[in-house]
Amino acid sequence: MAQAEVRRTITSPQALTALAHPVRLALLNHLMTFGPRTASQCAEVADASPSNCSYHLRHLARFGMVEPVAAEDGRERPWRATATGFRFRRPEGGALEPAERAAARAAEEALAATRIDENARLAYAFLDRIDRLTPEWREVVGFSNYALRMSPDELRRLGEQLDALIRPFIAPTRADAPEDAETVHLAVEAFVHPDALR
């Protein structure tokens, strides 16, 4: 059963810093992708012990990103993400003191680096298991890079258009998926090419 789409924006530097931990980001992504899971179920995908996962899930809960689900039979309780998607943005600088601005920038950069690492981890894990794919899936999966020449406004509009195209396929909210549907990881990164910033 599909759940309603709930997207949240997180701007707290403390929450950004909390999520800049590889295990926490892997846990949040896994819960948003596959739904409620126990710490034991998350342990393998997060490359951590169940007790370590429990600790990190409780830490994410402090910032409202995950919450426990009532266990039906008294066993280990599952956790779920509190939203189907999160946006992470640095708070607007006007109201912040210089030290707060610096902390927000550091938290944003740490989270971005962790997200890049998580995308790479998933891609390498996929390559390790590529032989499990059917021929139909082998034909359609791929990795693409583009060098675009754009203004900030054009990039903003492209991001909005891509988001509008992608949203109907978000795993937890999709009720009409065909029988042969699988969960697909799609990462979109857009930044000014670093060689252009020399």
Protein backbone atom coordinates (compact mmCIF):
# COMPACT_ATOMS: atom_id res chain seq x y z
CA MET A 1 0.00 0.00 0.00
CA ALA A 2 1.39 3.38 -1.01
CA GLN A 3 1.76 6.12 1.57
CA ALA A 4 1.01 9.80 1.12
CA GLU A 5 3.90 11.94 0.02
CA VAL A 6 5.43 14.02 2.79
CA ARG A 7 8.47 16.13 1.96
CA ARG A 8 10.33 18.07 4.62
CA THR A 9 13.08 20.65 4.50
CA ILE A 10 15.75 20.43 7.17
CA THR A 11 17.85 23.52 7.85
CA SER A 12 19.09 22.96 11.40
CA PRO A 13 22.90 22.72 11.38
CA GLN A 14 22.67 20.18 14.21
CA ALA A 15 20.31 17.96 12.15
CA LEU A 16 22.53 18.31 9.07
CA THR A 17 25.57 17.34 11.14
CA ALA A 18 23.70 14.36 12.63
CA LEU A 19 22.84 13.10 9.16
CA ALA A 20 26.39 13.61 7.84
CA HIS A 21 27.29 10.28 9.47
CA PRO A 22 27.48 7.44 6.89
CA VAL A 23 25.49 4.93 8.98
CA ARG A 24 22.73 7.45 9.72
CA LEU A 25 22.39 8.49 6.10
CA ALA A 26 22.31 4.84 4.97
CA LEU A 27 19.64 4.08 7.59
CA LEU A 28 17.44 7.03 6.62
CA ASN A 29 17.74 6.24 2.91
CA HIS A 30 16.94 2.57 3.53
CA LEU A 31 13.84 3.35 5.60
CA MET A 32 12.59 5.87 3.03
CA THR A 33 13.15 3.35 0.24
CA PHE A 34 11.92 0.10 1.79
CA GLY A 35 9.62 1.19 4.60
CA PRO A 36 9.68 0.22 8.28
CA ARG A 37 12.57 -2.02 9.34
CA THR A 38 14.07 -3.13 12.63
CA ALA A 39 17.63 -2.26 13.61
CA SER A 40 18.55 -5.90 12.94
CA GLN A 41 17.09 -5.72 9.45
CA CYS A 42 18.99 -2.49 8.80
CA ALA A 43 22.32 -3.78 10.12
CA GLU A 44 23.47 -5.51 6.96
CA VAL A 45 22.65 -2.65 4.59
CA ALA A 46 24.18 -0.07 6.93
CA ASP A 47 27.30 -2.22 7.49
CA ALA A 48 26.85 -1.90 11.27
CA SER A 49 25.76 -4.04 14.20
CA PRO A 50 22.08 -4.04 15.27
CA SER A 51 22.99 -2.23 18.53
CA ASN A 52 24.93 0.40 16.58
CA CYS A 53 21.96 0.83 14.24
CA SER A 54 19.63 1.23 17.25
CA TYR A 55 21.88 3.98 18.59
CA HIS A 56 21.91 5.83 15.25
CA LEU A 57 18.16 5.40 14.76
CA ARG A 58 17.53 6.96 18.19
CA HIS A 59 19.86 9.80 17.22
CA LEU A 60 17.90 10.42 14.00
CA ALA A 61 14.66 10.31 16.01
CA ARG A 62 15.89 13.25 18.13
CA PHE A 63 15.75 15.35 14.97
CA GLY A 64 12.38 13.99 13.85
CA MET A 65 13.71 12.12 10.81
CA VAL A 66 12.64 8.64 11.98
CA GLU A 67 10.21 7.29 14.56
CA PRO A 68 9.54 3.93 16.16
CA VAL A 69 6.56 1.88 15.02
CA ALA A 70 4.60 -0.14 17.55
CA ALA A 71 5.71 -3.77 17.45
CA GLU A 72 2.79 -6.14 16.96
CA ASP A 73 4.02 -9.03 19.05
CA GLY A 74 6.48 -7.57 21.52
CA ARG A 75 9.52 -8.31 19.37
CA GLU A 76 12.11 -5.80 18.27
CA ARG A 77 10.33 -2.66 17.22
CA PRO A 78 10.63 -1.38 13.66
CA TRP A 79 11.52 2.19 12.73
CA ARG A 80 10.18 4.28 9.88
CA ALA A 81 11.15 7.51 8.18
CA THR A 82 8.87 10.41 9.07
CA ALA A 83 8.79 11.64 5.46
CA THR A 84 9.05 10.22 1.97
CA GLY A 85 11.68 12.79 1.09
CA PHE A 86 13.91 15.36 2.74
CA ARG A 87 15.57 18.47 1.39
CA PHE A 88 18.63 19.72 3.18
CA ARG A 89 19.34 23.42 3.00
CA ARG A 90 21.58 25.80 4.85
CA PRO A 91 19.46 28.29 6.84
CA GLU A 92 19.25 31.76 5.36
CA GLY A 93 22.19 33.84 6.52
CA GLY A 94 20.42 37.06 7.51
CA ALA A 95 19.45 35.99 11.02
CA LEU A 96 22.57 33.98 11.77
CA GLU A 97 25.66 35.08 13.60
CA PRO A 98 28.99 34.51 11.76
CA ALA A 99 29.80 31.45 13.90
CA GLU A 100 26.35 29.99 13.21
CA ARG A 101 26.78 30.62 9.47
CA ALA A 102 30.16 28.85 9.56
CA ALA A 103 28.65 25.90 11.46
CA ALA A 104 25.75 25.69 8.98
CA ARG A 105 28.14 25.75 6.03
CA ALA A 106 30.35 23.05 7.56
CA ALA A 107 27.30 20.87 8.29
CA GLU A 108 25.96 21.31 4.75
CA GLU A 109 29.34 20.42 3.22
CA ALA A 110 29.77 17.38 5.48
CA LEU A 111 26.30 16.11 4.53
CA ALA A 112 26.96 16.67 0.82
CA ALA A 113 30.22 14.67 1.07
CA THR A 114 28.44 11.85 2.93
CA ARG A 115 25.68 11.78 0.30
CA ILE A 116 28.29 11.51 -2.48
CA ASP A 117 29.96 8.65 -0.60
CA GLU A 118 26.59 6.91 -0.06
CA ASN A 119 25.74 7.14 -3.77
CA ALA A 120 29.15 5.66 -4.63
CA ARG A 121 28.67 2.89 -2.03
CA LEU A 122 25.34 1.93 -3.58
CA ALA A 123 26.79 2.01 -7.11
CA TYR A 124 29.70 -0.26 -6.14
CA ALA A 125 27.33 -2.63 -4.31
CA PHE A 126 25.20 -2.74 -7.45
CA LEU A 127 28.25 -3.59 -9.59
CA ASP A 128 29.08 -6.44 -7.19
CA ARG A 129 25.61 -7.91 -7.81
CA ILE A 130 25.09 -7.00 -11.47
CA ASP A 131 25.20 -10.67 -12.47
CA ARG A 132 21.87 -11.16 -10.65
CA LEU A 133 20.06 -8.93 -13.16
CA THR A 134 17.80 -10.23 -15.88
CA PRO A 135 18.76 -9.28 -19.45
CA GLU A 136 15.88 -6.78 -19.51
CA TRP A 137 17.29 -4.93 -16.51
CA ARG A 138 20.87 -5.09 -17.83
CA GLU A 139 19.75 -3.23 -20.95
CA VAL A 140 18.21 -0.30 -19.09
CA VAL A 141 20.46 0.41 -16.11
CA GLY A 142 23.25 2.84 -16.75
CA PHE A 143 25.49 5.66 -15.67
CA SER A 144 25.44 8.95 -17.55
CA ASN A 145 27.40 12.17 -17.23
CA TYR A 146 26.66 15.43 -19.00
CA ALA A 147 28.54 18.70 -19.30
CA LEU A 148 25.87 21.40 -19.49
CA ARG A 149 26.22 25.14 -20.05
CA MET A 150 23.53 26.81 -17.97
CA SER A 151 22.62 29.86 -15.94
CA PRO A 152 21.57 29.50 -12.28
CA ASP A 153 17.94 30.08 -13.29
CA GLU A 154 18.12 27.41 -16.00
CA LEU A 155 19.63 24.92 -13.57
CA ARG A 156 16.89 25.69 -11.02
CA ARG A 157 14.20 25.13 -13.66
CA LEU A 158 15.84 21.92 -14.87
CA GLY A 159 15.93 20.62 -11.30
CA GLU A 160 12.23 21.42 -10.86
CA GLN A 161 11.37 19.70 -14.16
CA LEU A 162 13.38 16.60 -13.29
CA ASP A 163 11.76 16.47 -9.86
CA ALA A 164 8.29 16.69 -11.43
CA LEU A 165 9.15 13.82 -13.81
CA ILE A 166 10.64 11.64 -11.04
CA ARG A 167 8.06 12.21 -8.25
CA PRO A 168 5.36 9.84 -9.60
CA PHE A 169 7.82 6.92 -9.32
CA ILE A 170 8.95 7.45 -5.69
CA ALA A 171 8.87 3.96 -4.15
CA PRO A 172 6.87 4.52 -0.94
CA THR A 173 4.18 6.59 -2.65
CA ARG A 174 3.65 4.57 -5.82
CA ALA A 175 0.52 2.40 -5.81
CA ASP A 176 0.37 1.60 -9.55
CA ALA A 177 3.77 -0.06 -10.08
CA PRO A 178 3.76 -2.83 -12.73
CA GLU A 179 4.39 -6.44 -11.74
CA ASP A 180 8.00 -6.36 -12.99
CA ALA A 181 8.89 -3.16 -11.10
CA GLU A 182 11.99 -3.12 -8.90
CA THR A 183 13.32 -0.47 -6.54
CA VAL A 184 15.73 1.72 -8.54
CA HIS A 185 18.32 4.13 -7.12
CA LEU A 186 18.52 7.40 -9.03
CA ALA A 187 20.97 10.09 -7.95
CA VAL A 188 21.10 13.53 -9.52
CA GLU A 189 24.04 15.77 -8.72
CA ALA A 190 24.40 19.18 -10.33
CA PHE A 191 27.25 21.54 -9.59
CA VAL A 192 29.53 23.95 -11.38
CA HIS A 193 32.36 21.89 -12.84
CA PRO A 194 35.33 22.27 -10.49
CA ASP A 195 37.76 22.83 -13.37
CA ALA A 196 35.75 25.94 -14.26
CA LEU A 197 36.46 27.34 -10.79
CA ARG A 198 40.27 27.47 -11.11
